[in-house]
């Protein structure tokens, strides 16, 4: 077995392991389990920079698909981890995946309402769209993705806690998807 075959097999193994850890992190809500997802991406980027990443087209396509899956799925627990580290006690989570904020627009007694619902599903779609756009050579489409997300959430961003989580979560998600896209492009 030559060095290139070993590196390709290693990359597949690392990506598969990272996908498994990411799924486990999502199901168990233990977000730090996904932190090792960065390892295969870093290995791929470094081996590409060293000129050691070469494989036949079908193998490269399969690895790109695996990296894309990792980029999409691994983002959710990584974003949750970044939010936990950046905003340790700033928001109460709601029953539908959003955060609870005081509804100051309703008459007293004011109640909490849930905003930013569906963030995980939107995150999956945004990461998939970003990686797909980069692989298609349309990196400018990232601006459209960000604009759609911002416009769609605008009415929910009146509270400081919602704005903070939205910005941190969006940036963490986009950075992760961009790094995964860079790894996929490196394999291509």
N, C-alpha and C. Protein backbone atom coordinates (compact mmCIF):
# COMPACT_ATOMS: atom_id res chain seq x y z
N UNK A 1 0.86 -1.17 0.00
CA UNK A 1 0.00 0.00 0.00
C UNK A 1 0.91 1.24 0.00
N UNK A 2 0.62 2.18 -0.94
CA UNK A 2 1.43 3.39 -0.98
C UNK A 2 0.91 4.43 0.00
N UNK A 3 1.67 5.51 0.14
CA UNK A 3 1.31 6.57 1.10
C UNK A 3 -0.03 7.20 0.77
N UNK A 4 -0.32 7.39 -0.53
CA UNK A 4 -1.57 8.02 -0.94
C UNK A 4 -2.76 7.16 -0.54
N UNK A 5 -2.68 5.86 -0.75
CA UNK A 5 -3.78 4.96 -0.38
C UNK A 5 -3.98 4.97 1.13
N UNK A 6 -2.90 4.93 1.88
CA UNK A 6 -3.00 4.96 3.34
C UNK A 6 -3.67 6.24 3.81
N UNK A 7 -3.26 7.37 3.24
CA UNK A 7 -3.83 8.66 3.64
C UNK A 7 -5.31 8.72 3.30
N UNK A 8 -5.70 8.19 2.14
CA UNK A 8 -7.11 8.19 1.75
C UNK A 8 -7.93 7.31 2.69
N UNK A 9 -7.42 6.14 3.01
CA UNK A 9 -8.12 5.24 3.95
C UNK A 9 -8.20 5.89 5.33
N UNK A 10 -7.13 6.51 5.76
CA UNK A 10 -7.12 7.22 7.04
C UNK A 10 -8.17 8.34 7.04
N UNK A 11 -8.22 9.10 5.94
CA UNK A 11 -9.19 10.19 5.85
C UNK A 11 -10.62 9.65 5.94
N UNK A 12 -10.92 8.58 5.22
CA UNK A 12 -12.25 7.97 5.30
C UNK A 12 -12.57 7.52 6.72
N UNK A 13 -11.62 6.87 7.35
CA UNK A 13 -11.84 6.40 8.72
C UNK A 13 -12.08 7.54 9.69
N UNK A 14 -11.28 8.60 9.56
CA UNK A 14 -11.45 9.75 10.44
C UNK A 14 -12.79 10.45 10.20
N UNK A 15 -13.17 10.60 8.93
CA UNK A 15 -14.45 11.25 8.62
C UNK A 15 -15.61 10.41 9.14
N UNK A 16 -15.56 9.10 8.94
CA UNK A 16 -16.63 8.22 9.43
C UNK A 16 -16.73 8.28 10.95
N UNK A 17 -15.61 8.27 11.62
CA UNK A 17 -15.60 8.38 13.08
C UNK A 17 -16.19 9.70 13.54
N UNK A 18 -15.80 10.78 12.86
CA UNK A 18 -16.31 12.11 13.21
C UNK A 18 -17.82 12.20 12.98
N UNK A 19 -18.32 11.59 11.91
CA UNK A 19 -19.77 11.57 11.66
C UNK A 19 -20.46 10.82 12.79
N UNK A 20 -19.92 9.68 13.18
CA UNK A 20 -20.50 8.90 14.28
C UNK A 20 -20.52 9.68 15.59
N UNK A 21 -19.42 10.35 15.89
CA UNK A 21 -19.36 11.17 17.11
C UNK A 21 -20.35 12.34 17.04
N UNK A 22 -20.51 12.92 15.87
CA UNK A 22 -21.44 14.03 15.71
C UNK A 22 -22.89 13.57 15.92
N UNK A 23 -23.23 12.44 15.34
CA UNK A 23 -24.59 11.90 15.53
C UNK A 23 -24.82 11.57 17.00
N UNK A 24 -23.83 10.98 17.65
CA UNK A 24 -23.93 10.69 19.08
C UNK A 24 -24.09 11.97 19.88
N UNK A 25 -23.35 13.00 19.52
CA UNK A 25 -23.45 14.29 20.22
C UNK A 25 -24.84 14.89 20.07
N UNK A 26 -25.41 14.77 18.88
CA UNK A 26 -26.76 15.30 18.64
C UNK A 26 -27.78 14.54 19.48
N UNK A 27 -27.71 13.22 19.44
CA UNK A 27 -28.70 12.39 20.15
C UNK A 27 -28.58 12.52 21.67
N UNK A 28 -27.36 12.59 22.16
CA UNK A 28 -27.15 12.63 23.61
C UNK A 28 -27.15 14.05 24.16
N UNK A 29 -27.12 15.04 23.27
CA UNK A 29 -27.03 16.45 23.66
C UNK A 29 -25.74 16.75 24.45
N UNK A 30 -24.71 15.99 24.15
CA UNK A 30 -23.38 16.23 24.74
C UNK A 30 -22.53 16.81 23.61
N UNK A 31 -22.62 18.12 23.44
CA UNK A 31 -22.07 18.77 22.26
C UNK A 31 -20.55 18.63 22.12
N UNK A 32 -19.82 18.52 23.20
CA UNK A 32 -18.35 18.43 23.09
C UNK A 32 -17.90 17.16 22.39
N UNK A 33 -18.77 16.14 22.29
CA UNK A 33 -18.39 14.92 21.58
C UNK A 33 -18.08 15.18 20.11
N UNK A 34 -18.61 16.26 19.58
CA UNK A 34 -18.38 16.57 18.16
C UNK A 34 -17.08 17.32 17.93
N UNK A 35 -16.42 17.77 18.98
CA UNK A 35 -15.18 18.54 18.81
C UNK A 35 -14.14 17.81 17.95
N UNK A 36 -13.98 16.48 18.09
CA UNK A 36 -13.00 15.80 17.23
C UNK A 36 -13.36 15.80 15.75
N UNK A 37 -14.54 16.32 15.38
CA UNK A 37 -14.90 16.39 13.96
C UNK A 37 -13.93 17.25 13.18
N UNK A 38 -13.25 18.14 13.87
CA UNK A 38 -12.27 19.00 13.19
C UNK A 38 -11.03 18.22 12.76
N UNK A 39 -10.75 17.10 13.40
CA UNK A 39 -9.52 16.34 13.11
C UNK A 39 -9.44 15.90 11.65
N UNK A 40 -10.46 15.21 11.11
CA UNK A 40 -10.30 14.77 9.71
C UNK A 40 -10.21 15.94 8.74
N UNK A 41 -10.90 17.02 9.03
CA UNK A 41 -10.85 18.18 8.15
C UNK A 41 -9.43 18.76 8.15
N UNK A 42 -8.83 18.86 9.32
CA UNK A 42 -7.46 19.37 9.42
C UNK A 42 -6.49 18.42 8.72
N UNK A 43 -6.66 17.11 8.94
CA UNK A 43 -5.77 16.12 8.29
C UNK A 43 -5.87 16.24 6.77
N UNK A 44 -7.09 16.38 6.26
CA UNK A 44 -7.27 16.50 4.81
C UNK A 44 -6.61 17.78 4.28
N UNK A 45 -6.82 18.88 4.97
CA UNK A 45 -6.24 20.14 4.51
C UNK A 45 -4.71 20.11 4.56
N UNK A 46 -4.15 19.52 5.62
CA UNK A 46 -2.69 19.44 5.74
C UNK A 46 -2.11 18.50 4.68
N UNK A 47 -2.71 17.33 4.50
CA UNK A 47 -2.18 16.39 3.50
C UNK A 47 -2.31 16.96 2.09
N UNK A 48 -3.37 17.73 1.85
CA UNK A 48 -3.49 18.38 0.54
C UNK A 48 -2.38 19.42 0.36
N UNK A 49 -2.14 20.20 1.41
CA UNK A 49 -1.08 21.22 1.34
C UNK A 49 0.29 20.58 1.10
N UNK A 50 0.48 19.38 1.61
CA UNK A 50 1.74 18.67 1.43
C UNK A 50 1.79 17.88 0.11
N UNK A 51 0.69 17.93 -0.64
CA UNK A 51 0.64 17.22 -1.91
C UNK A 51 0.49 15.72 -1.78
N UNK A 52 -0.01 15.26 -0.67
CA UNK A 52 -0.13 13.82 -0.41
C UNK A 52 -1.54 13.27 -0.61
N UNK A 53 -2.46 14.11 -1.04
CA UNK A 53 -3.85 13.67 -1.15
C UNK A 53 -4.20 13.47 -2.61
N UNK A 54 -4.13 12.24 -3.05
CA UNK A 54 -4.48 11.91 -4.43
C UNK A 54 -5.16 10.55 -4.43
N UNK A 55 -6.21 10.44 -5.21
CA UNK A 55 -6.95 9.18 -5.29
C UNK A 55 -7.72 9.17 -6.59
N UNK A 56 -8.16 8.00 -7.03
CA UNK A 56 -8.99 7.93 -8.24
C UNK A 56 -10.31 8.70 -8.04
N UNK A 57 -10.90 9.14 -9.14
CA UNK A 57 -12.10 9.97 -9.10
C UNK A 57 -13.23 9.37 -8.25
N UNK A 58 -13.59 8.10 -8.38
CA UNK A 58 -14.69 7.57 -7.56
C UNK A 58 -14.40 7.66 -6.06
N UNK A 59 -13.15 7.46 -5.69
CA UNK A 59 -12.77 7.55 -4.28
C UNK A 59 -12.86 9.00 -3.80
N UNK A 60 -12.42 9.93 -4.64
CA UNK A 60 -12.51 11.34 -4.27
C UNK A 60 -13.96 11.78 -4.12
N UNK A 61 -14.82 11.34 -5.03
CA UNK A 61 -16.24 11.70 -4.95
C UNK A 61 -16.85 11.15 -3.66
N UNK A 62 -16.54 9.90 -3.34
CA UNK A 62 -17.06 9.31 -2.10
C UNK A 62 -16.56 10.07 -0.87
N UNK A 63 -15.31 10.48 -0.89
CA UNK A 63 -14.76 11.24 0.24
C UNK A 63 -15.40 12.63 0.32
N UNK A 64 -15.67 13.24 -0.81
CA UNK A 64 -16.35 14.55 -0.81
C UNK A 64 -17.75 14.43 -0.23
N UNK A 65 -18.45 13.37 -0.59
CA UNK A 65 -19.80 13.15 -0.03
C UNK A 65 -19.71 12.97 1.48
N UNK A 66 -18.73 12.18 1.94
CA UNK A 66 -18.57 11.97 3.38
C UNK A 66 -18.22 13.28 4.10
N UNK A 67 -17.35 14.08 3.50
CA UNK A 67 -17.00 15.37 4.10
C UNK A 67 -18.22 16.29 4.15
N UNK A 68 -19.03 16.26 3.10
CA UNK A 68 -20.25 17.07 3.07
C UNK A 68 -21.20 16.66 4.18
N UNK A 69 -21.38 15.35 4.36
CA UNK A 69 -22.23 14.85 5.45
C UNK A 69 -21.68 15.32 6.79
N UNK A 70 -20.37 15.22 6.97
CA UNK A 70 -19.75 15.69 8.21
C UNK A 70 -19.95 17.19 8.39
N UNK A 71 -19.79 17.94 7.31
CA UNK A 71 -19.97 19.38 7.38
C UNK A 71 -21.38 19.78 7.77
N UNK A 72 -22.35 19.04 7.28
CA UNK A 72 -23.76 19.36 7.58
C UNK A 72 -24.13 18.88 8.98
N UNK A 73 -23.87 17.62 9.28
CA UNK A 73 -24.29 17.04 10.56
C UNK A 73 -23.41 17.53 11.71
N UNK A 74 -22.11 17.57 11.50
CA UNK A 74 -21.20 17.97 12.57
C UNK A 74 -21.37 19.40 13.03
N UNK A 75 -21.98 20.23 12.20
CA UNK A 75 -22.17 21.62 12.56
C UNK A 75 -23.10 21.84 13.74
N UNK A 76 -24.14 21.03 13.86
CA UNK A 76 -25.12 21.25 14.94
C UNK A 76 -24.51 21.14 16.33
N UNK A 77 -23.84 20.03 16.65
CA UNK A 77 -23.25 19.98 17.99
C UNK A 77 -22.10 20.96 18.17
N UNK A 78 -21.38 21.27 17.09
CA UNK A 78 -20.30 22.25 17.21
C UNK A 78 -20.85 23.64 17.49
N UNK A 79 -21.95 24.00 16.83
CA UNK A 79 -22.58 25.29 17.10
C UNK A 79 -23.11 25.31 18.53
N UNK A 80 -23.72 24.21 18.97
CA UNK A 80 -24.22 24.13 20.35
C UNK A 80 -23.07 24.31 21.34
N UNK A 81 -21.92 23.72 21.04
CA UNK A 81 -20.75 23.86 21.91
C UNK A 81 -20.26 25.30 21.94
N UNK A 82 -20.18 25.94 20.79
CA UNK A 82 -19.74 27.34 20.74
C UNK A 82 -20.72 28.22 21.50
N UNK A 83 -22.01 28.00 21.31
CA UNK A 83 -23.02 28.79 22.04
C UNK A 83 -22.91 28.58 23.54
N UNK A 84 -22.67 27.34 23.95
CA UNK A 84 -22.53 27.04 25.37
C UNK A 84 -21.32 27.74 25.96
N UNK A 85 -20.22 27.77 25.22
CA UNK A 85 -19.01 28.42 25.70
C UNK A 85 -19.12 29.95 25.66
N UNK A 86 -19.78 30.48 24.63
CA UNK A 86 -19.86 31.93 24.47
C UNK A 86 -20.96 32.57 25.30
N UNK A 87 -22.04 31.84 25.52
CA UNK A 87 -23.18 32.39 26.25
C UNK A 87 -23.63 31.38 27.30
N UNK A 88 -22.82 31.15 28.33
CA UNK A 88 -23.09 30.05 29.26
C UNK A 88 -24.45 30.08 29.95
N UNK A 89 -24.96 31.24 30.29
CA UNK A 89 -26.25 31.28 31.00
C UNK A 89 -27.14 32.39 30.50
N UNK A 90 -27.02 32.75 29.23
CA UNK A 90 -27.74 33.91 28.76
C UNK A 90 -29.16 33.62 28.28
N UNK A 91 -29.50 32.38 28.01
CA UNK A 91 -30.82 32.10 27.45
C UNK A 91 -31.39 30.81 28.01
N UNK A 92 -32.70 30.81 28.16
CA UNK A 92 -33.42 29.60 28.54
C UNK A 92 -33.94 28.96 27.27
N UNK A 93 -33.65 27.69 27.10
CA UNK A 93 -34.08 26.99 25.90
C UNK A 93 -35.57 26.66 25.98
N UNK A 94 -36.24 26.78 24.84
CA UNK A 94 -37.66 26.48 24.76
C UNK A 94 -37.91 25.03 24.36
N UNK A 95 -39.17 24.65 24.34
CA UNK A 95 -39.55 23.27 24.04
C UNK A 95 -39.38 22.91 22.57
N UNK A 96 -39.30 23.91 21.70
CA UNK A 96 -39.24 23.65 20.26
C UNK A 96 -37.90 24.03 19.65
N UNK A 97 -36.85 24.06 20.45
CA UNK A 97 -35.51 24.32 19.94
C UNK A 97 -35.10 25.77 19.90
N UNK A 98 -35.98 26.67 20.30
CA UNK A 98 -35.65 28.09 20.32
C UNK A 98 -35.21 28.52 21.70
N UNK A 99 -35.26 29.83 21.94
CA UNK A 99 -34.96 30.37 23.27
C UNK A 99 -36.17 31.16 23.75
N UNK A 100 -36.31 31.26 25.05
CA UNK A 100 -37.42 32.01 25.63
C UNK A 100 -36.99 33.43 25.91
N UNK A 101 -37.78 34.38 25.44
CA UNK A 101 -37.54 35.80 25.71
C UNK A 101 -38.84 36.40 26.21
N UNK A 102 -38.74 37.46 27.01
CA UNK A 102 -39.91 38.16 27.54
C UNK A 102 -40.62 38.87 26.40
N UNK A 103 -41.93 38.64 26.25
CA UNK A 103 -42.73 39.28 25.22
C UNK A 103 -43.14 40.66 25.72
N UNK A 104 -42.37 41.67 25.35
CA UNK A 104 -42.64 43.02 25.83
C UNK A 104 -43.69 43.74 24.99
N UNK A 105 -44.15 43.11 23.92
CA UNK A 105 -45.14 43.75 23.06
C UNK A 105 -46.57 43.45 23.50
N UNK A 106 -46.76 42.48 24.36
CA UNK A 106 -48.11 42.13 24.80
C UNK A 106 -48.44 42.88 26.10
N UNK A 107 -49.73 43.02 26.39
CA UNK A 107 -50.11 43.71 27.63
C UNK A 107 -49.77 42.85 28.84
N UNK A 108 -49.62 43.48 30.02
CA UNK A 108 -49.32 42.72 31.24
C UNK A 108 -50.45 41.73 31.55
N UNK A 109 -50.21 40.64 32.15
CA UNK A 109 -48.89 40.15 32.56
C UNK A 109 -48.13 39.61 31.34
N UNK A 110 -46.90 40.05 31.21
CA UNK A 110 -46.10 39.63 30.06
C UNK A 110 -45.56 38.22 30.30
N UNK A 111 -45.52 37.48 29.24
CA UNK A 111 -45.05 36.09 29.31
C UNK A 111 -43.83 35.91 28.42
N UNK A 112 -43.20 34.79 28.61
CA UNK A 112 -42.09 34.45 27.73
C UNK A 112 -42.64 33.85 26.45
N UNK A 113 -41.97 34.13 25.35
CA UNK A 113 -42.31 33.48 24.09
C UNK A 113 -41.04 32.90 23.49
N UNK A 114 -41.23 31.89 22.69
CA UNK A 114 -40.08 31.21 22.10
C UNK A 114 -39.76 31.80 20.73
N UNK A 115 -38.50 32.20 20.57
CA UNK A 115 -38.02 32.72 19.28
C UNK A 115 -36.86 31.86 18.79
N UNK A 116 -36.52 32.05 17.54
CA UNK A 116 -35.43 31.30 16.90
C UNK A 116 -35.70 29.80 16.87
N UNK A 117 -36.97 29.45 16.72
CA UNK A 117 -37.34 28.03 16.61
C UNK A 117 -36.83 27.49 15.28
N UNK A 118 -36.56 26.21 15.25
CA UNK A 118 -36.13 25.58 14.01
C UNK A 118 -34.69 25.86 13.63
N UNK A 119 -33.91 26.36 14.57
CA UNK A 119 -32.52 26.71 14.26
C UNK A 119 -31.68 25.54 13.78
N UNK A 120 -31.92 24.36 14.33
CA UNK A 120 -31.13 23.20 13.91
C UNK A 120 -31.42 22.85 12.45
N UNK A 121 -32.69 22.82 12.08
CA UNK A 121 -33.05 22.49 10.70
C UNK A 121 -32.51 23.54 9.74
N UNK A 122 -32.64 24.81 10.12
CA UNK A 122 -32.11 25.88 9.28
C UNK A 122 -30.59 25.75 9.16
N UNK A 123 -29.93 25.39 10.26
CA UNK A 123 -28.48 25.20 10.24
C UNK A 123 -28.06 24.09 9.29
N UNK A 124 -28.78 22.97 9.30
CA UNK A 124 -28.47 21.88 8.37
C UNK A 124 -28.56 22.39 6.93
N UNK A 125 -29.64 23.09 6.63
CA UNK A 125 -29.85 23.59 5.27
C UNK A 125 -28.79 24.62 4.87
N UNK A 126 -28.47 25.52 5.79
CA UNK A 126 -27.49 26.56 5.47
C UNK A 126 -26.11 25.95 5.22
N UNK A 127 -25.71 24.97 6.03
CA UNK A 127 -24.40 24.34 5.83
C UNK A 127 -24.37 23.55 4.53
N UNK A 128 -25.45 22.83 4.22
CA UNK A 128 -25.52 22.08 2.97
C UNK A 128 -25.46 23.03 1.77
N UNK A 129 -26.21 24.14 1.86
CA UNK A 129 -26.21 25.11 0.76
C UNK A 129 -24.83 25.74 0.59
N UNK A 130 -24.16 26.07 1.69
CA UNK A 130 -22.84 26.68 1.60
C UNK A 130 -21.83 25.72 0.98
N UNK A 131 -21.79 24.50 1.46
CA UNK A 131 -20.84 23.52 0.92
C UNK A 131 -21.15 23.26 -0.55
N UNK A 132 -22.43 23.11 -0.88
CA UNK A 132 -22.81 22.89 -2.27
C UNK A 132 -22.43 24.06 -3.17
N UNK A 133 -22.65 25.27 -2.68
CA UNK A 133 -22.31 26.45 -3.47
C UNK A 133 -20.80 26.52 -3.74
N UNK A 134 -20.00 26.24 -2.72
CA UNK A 134 -18.54 26.27 -2.88
C UNK A 134 -18.10 25.18 -3.85
N UNK A 135 -18.65 23.98 -3.70
CA UNK A 135 -18.27 22.88 -4.61
C UNK A 135 -18.69 23.17 -6.05
N UNK A 136 -19.78 23.93 -6.21
CA UNK A 136 -20.25 24.28 -7.56
C UNK A 136 -19.51 25.50 -8.11
N UNK A 137 -18.58 26.04 -7.33
CA UNK A 137 -17.82 27.20 -7.78
C UNK A 137 -18.58 28.50 -7.67
N UNK A 138 -19.60 28.52 -6.83
CA UNK A 138 -20.45 29.70 -6.66
C UNK A 138 -20.35 30.25 -5.25
N UNK A 139 -19.15 30.58 -4.82
CA UNK A 139 -18.94 31.06 -3.45
C UNK A 139 -19.73 32.33 -3.16
N UNK A 140 -20.04 33.11 -4.18
CA UNK A 140 -20.83 34.33 -3.98
C UNK A 140 -22.23 34.01 -3.47
N UNK A 141 -22.70 32.81 -3.70
CA UNK A 141 -24.03 32.41 -3.22
C UNK A 141 -24.10 32.41 -1.70
N UNK A 142 -22.97 32.37 -1.03
CA UNK A 142 -22.94 32.41 0.43
C UNK A 142 -23.60 33.70 0.92
N UNK A 143 -23.39 34.80 0.23
CA UNK A 143 -24.02 36.07 0.61
C UNK A 143 -25.55 35.95 0.54
N UNK A 144 -26.05 35.24 -0.44
CA UNK A 144 -27.50 35.05 -0.57
C UNK A 144 -28.01 34.20 0.58
N UNK A 145 -27.27 33.16 0.95
CA UNK A 145 -27.66 32.29 2.07
C UNK A 145 -27.76 33.11 3.35
N UNK A 146 -26.76 33.92 3.62
CA UNK A 146 -26.74 34.75 4.83
C UNK A 146 -27.88 35.77 4.80
N UNK A 147 -28.11 36.37 3.64
CA UNK A 147 -29.18 37.37 3.52
C UNK A 147 -30.55 36.75 3.77
N UNK A 148 -30.79 35.59 3.19
CA UNK A 148 -32.08 34.92 3.40
C UNK A 148 -32.28 34.60 4.87
N UNK A 149 -31.24 34.11 5.51
CA UNK A 149 -31.36 33.76 6.93
C UNK A 149 -31.62 35.01 7.77
N UNK A 150 -30.88 36.06 7.51
CA UNK A 150 -31.06 37.30 8.27
C UNK A 150 -32.44 37.90 8.08
N UNK A 151 -32.91 37.94 6.85
CA UNK A 151 -34.24 38.49 6.58
C UNK A 151 -35.34 37.63 7.21
N UNK A 152 -35.15 36.34 7.15
CA UNK A 152 -36.15 35.43 7.72
C UNK A 152 -36.26 35.51 9.23
N UNK A 153 -35.19 35.88 9.88
CA UNK A 153 -35.16 35.95 11.35
C UNK A 153 -35.31 37.37 11.90
N UNK A 154 -35.34 38.36 11.02
CA UNK A 154 -35.30 39.76 11.45
C UNK A 154 -36.33 40.09 12.53
N UNK A 155 -37.55 39.63 12.36
CA UNK A 155 -38.62 39.99 13.31
C UNK A 155 -38.43 39.36 14.69
N UNK A 156 -37.57 38.35 14.79
CA UNK A 156 -37.34 37.67 16.07
C UNK A 156 -36.14 38.22 16.84
N UNK A 157 -35.48 39.22 16.31
CA UNK A 157 -34.21 39.67 16.88
C UNK A 157 -34.33 40.93 17.71
N UNK A 158 -35.50 41.16 18.32
CA UNK A 158 -35.64 42.38 19.13
C UNK A 158 -34.95 42.29 20.48
N UNK A 159 -34.73 41.09 20.99
CA UNK A 159 -34.06 40.97 22.29
C UNK A 159 -32.56 40.76 22.10
N UNK A 160 -31.79 41.26 23.05
CA UNK A 160 -30.33 41.13 22.98
C UNK A 160 -29.91 39.66 22.99
N UNK A 161 -30.59 38.84 23.78
CA UNK A 161 -30.23 37.42 23.86
C UNK A 161 -30.45 36.73 22.51
N UNK A 162 -31.54 37.06 21.84
CA UNK A 162 -31.82 36.46 20.53
C UNK A 162 -30.79 36.91 19.50
N UNK A 163 -30.47 38.21 19.50
CA UNK A 163 -29.47 38.72 18.55
C UNK A 163 -28.12 38.05 18.78
N UNK A 164 -27.72 37.95 20.04
CA UNK A 164 -26.42 37.36 20.37
C UNK A 164 -26.35 35.90 19.92
N UNK A 165 -27.36 35.11 20.23
CA UNK A 165 -27.37 33.70 19.82
C UNK A 165 -27.43 33.56 18.31
N UNK A 166 -28.20 34.41 17.66
CA UNK A 166 -28.32 34.35 16.21
C UNK A 166 -26.97 34.62 15.56
N UNK A 167 -26.29 35.66 15.99
CA UNK A 167 -25.01 36.02 15.38
C UNK A 167 -23.94 34.97 15.67
N UNK A 168 -23.82 34.57 16.92
CA UNK A 168 -22.81 33.57 17.28
C UNK A 168 -23.10 32.24 16.59
N UNK A 169 -24.34 31.80 16.64
CA UNK A 169 -24.70 30.53 16.01
C UNK A 169 -24.50 30.54 14.51
N UNK A 170 -24.91 31.63 13.87
CA UNK A 170 -24.75 31.73 12.42
C UNK A 170 -23.27 31.73 12.03
N UNK A 171 -22.48 32.53 12.72
CA UNK A 171 -21.05 32.58 12.39
C UNK A 171 -20.35 31.25 12.64
N UNK A 172 -20.67 30.61 13.75
CA UNK A 172 -20.06 29.30 14.03
C UNK A 172 -20.45 28.29 12.95
N UNK A 173 -21.71 28.29 12.56
CA UNK A 173 -22.19 27.37 11.54
C UNK A 173 -21.51 27.63 10.20
N UNK A 174 -21.43 28.90 9.81
CA UNK A 174 -20.82 29.25 8.53
C UNK A 174 -19.31 28.98 8.51
N UNK A 175 -18.64 29.24 9.62
CA UNK A 175 -17.21 28.94 9.67
C UNK A 175 -16.97 27.44 9.53
N UNK A 176 -17.73 26.64 10.28
CA UNK A 176 -17.58 25.19 10.18
C UNK A 176 -17.86 24.71 8.76
N UNK A 177 -18.95 25.18 8.16
CA UNK A 177 -19.29 24.76 6.80
C UNK A 177 -18.21 25.19 5.80
N UNK A 178 -17.63 26.36 6.02
CA UNK A 178 -16.58 26.85 5.13
C UNK A 178 -15.33 25.99 5.22
N UNK A 179 -14.97 25.60 6.42
CA UNK A 179 -13.79 24.73 6.60
C UNK A 179 -14.05 23.36 5.98
N UNK A 180 -15.25 22.83 6.18
CA UNK A 180 -15.61 21.54 5.56
C UNK A 180 -15.60 21.68 4.04
N UNK A 181 -16.11 22.78 3.52
CA UNK A 181 -16.09 23.01 2.07
C UNK A 181 -14.66 23.09 1.54
N UNK A 182 -13.77 23.74 2.31
CA UNK A 182 -12.36 23.81 1.90
C UNK A 182 -11.75 22.41 1.83
N UNK A 183 -12.10 21.56 2.79
CA UNK A 183 -11.60 20.17 2.76
C UNK A 183 -12.15 19.42 1.55
N UNK A 184 -13.43 19.63 1.26
CA UNK A 184 -14.04 18.95 0.10
C UNK A 184 -13.39 19.43 -1.20
N UNK A 185 -13.12 20.72 -1.32
CA UNK A 185 -12.46 21.26 -2.50
C UNK A 185 -11.03 20.71 -2.60
N UNK A 186 -10.37 20.57 -1.45
CA UNK A 186 -9.01 20.02 -1.45
C UNK A 186 -8.99 18.58 -2.00
N UNK A 187 -10.02 17.82 -1.66
CA UNK A 187 -10.11 16.44 -2.15
C UNK A 187 -10.39 16.44 -3.66
N UNK A 188 -11.19 17.39 -4.10
CA UNK A 188 -11.57 17.44 -5.50
C UNK A 188 -10.35 17.65 -6.39
